[in-house]
Amino acid sequence: MVKSIMLTSTKGGSGKSVVAIGMFLKFRDDEGKNLGYFKPIGDKMSMTPKTRTDKDVNVISAVVARKFSKEEICPQFLSPGYFLDEVTLEETGQIKEKIKDTYQSMVSKGLDVMIIEGNHSCNQFRSISLDDAYFAKEFDSEVIICCPVSDDDDINDLVSVYDWYKCQGINVKGVILNGVSDNAFTRIEQYHKPLLEKLGIPFIGGLKKSKQLEKPTISEIMEAVNGRLIVGNYIKVKYNTIEGFVIGAMGSESAVSYLRRGRDKCVITGGDRSDIALAALETSTALIIFTGNIEPAPHIQSKAEEKGIPLIVAPGDTYTVSEQVKKIHTHIQPNEIGICKEQADKYLDWEKVLE
């Protein structure tokens, strides 16, 4: 019989995808299990049907689950914020049947373990009965609750979700906390783990913040600002990560000293600010975004190409673009899956997962 484990979360930023990939690799490489990965509902993206798929599913299908198609791994897409434009309560029956049929088709292929990744939060799509609790019961899954922790109030949410699942008759295997800062990780070990154990809630582990996984890639930045690459080879630079952002709006005299403060940074400036662009190109810069849809002068593009620094042109003004990059939600890249395995090795109580 297939062992089904569903990863659910109290809210976004729980580290659920890191856990999913880490567990997949642990089961496959260390335990020799035949694995499946399933995501009932993925984020609908504004792409053509041929390429539209959830970003985390893209990584899973490309790196760790090649034996299944993307359509099998994630059979349904809905927009998290505007799903009522796409489906009514009366139509959810067809969606449920489609998801169940796809799931049964996958588990019939001789799998030992199926890892199911739930929605962004356990309450997502609850109003149309497509929430994690429904699928956990439908697939007879053991549930692991993932919870981001910034302060003690997040533990209140975790306990509420745990109690609610238990009232639903769902088998909760345990919880995983994701410390979103070094201080939060310290509090997990000092306060939250002992408290959960006293409450009888199985503690599987506390993840430590990974700075590498939080760095946005050039591809993610381009998508966020609706930009186009005018210097650089997209295939070669799309997974390059950025350490931070600098707004290039200072005077030319102080530009160089100001821009020297950051390494591997992205500089955001107007396309007519050749002085800022030249100063950025003389410092540790990994990307320059030119705003207002204004391309920089040819000599700027030539110098960037010579130094191997990608240039992007974006339609928004400098303020708009700077706000857009603040809202980037980073995703795991194919070259980062090893970090997920390290997190699972180092921070999860694997014996509790195997029980």
Foldseek 3Di string as FASTA:
>chain_A
DAAEEEEAEAAAPLCLLLQLLQVLCCCCPVVVFFEAEAEAEAEFDPDPPVPTDHPSLVLCCVAPNVVDDSCLRYVYYAHQVPRVVPDDLVRVVVSVVRSVVSVVVVVVPPGHYYYYYFDRHQCGPVVSPPGPLNVCVVVVHAYEYGWEFDDPVSVVSVVVVVVVSVVVVHHHLAYEYEYQAPVRQVCCVVPVVVVCVVVVGHYFWYFYDDLVQAFAFPLLLCVLQVKDWPAADCVVRRRPTANEEDEPPDDLVCLLVVLQPDAQHEYEYAQAPVSNLVSNLVHRYQEYEHELQHHHDPVSRVSCNVSVHIYIYGNHHRVVSVVSVVPRDGDDDNVRSVVSNVRCVPIGNVVSVVD
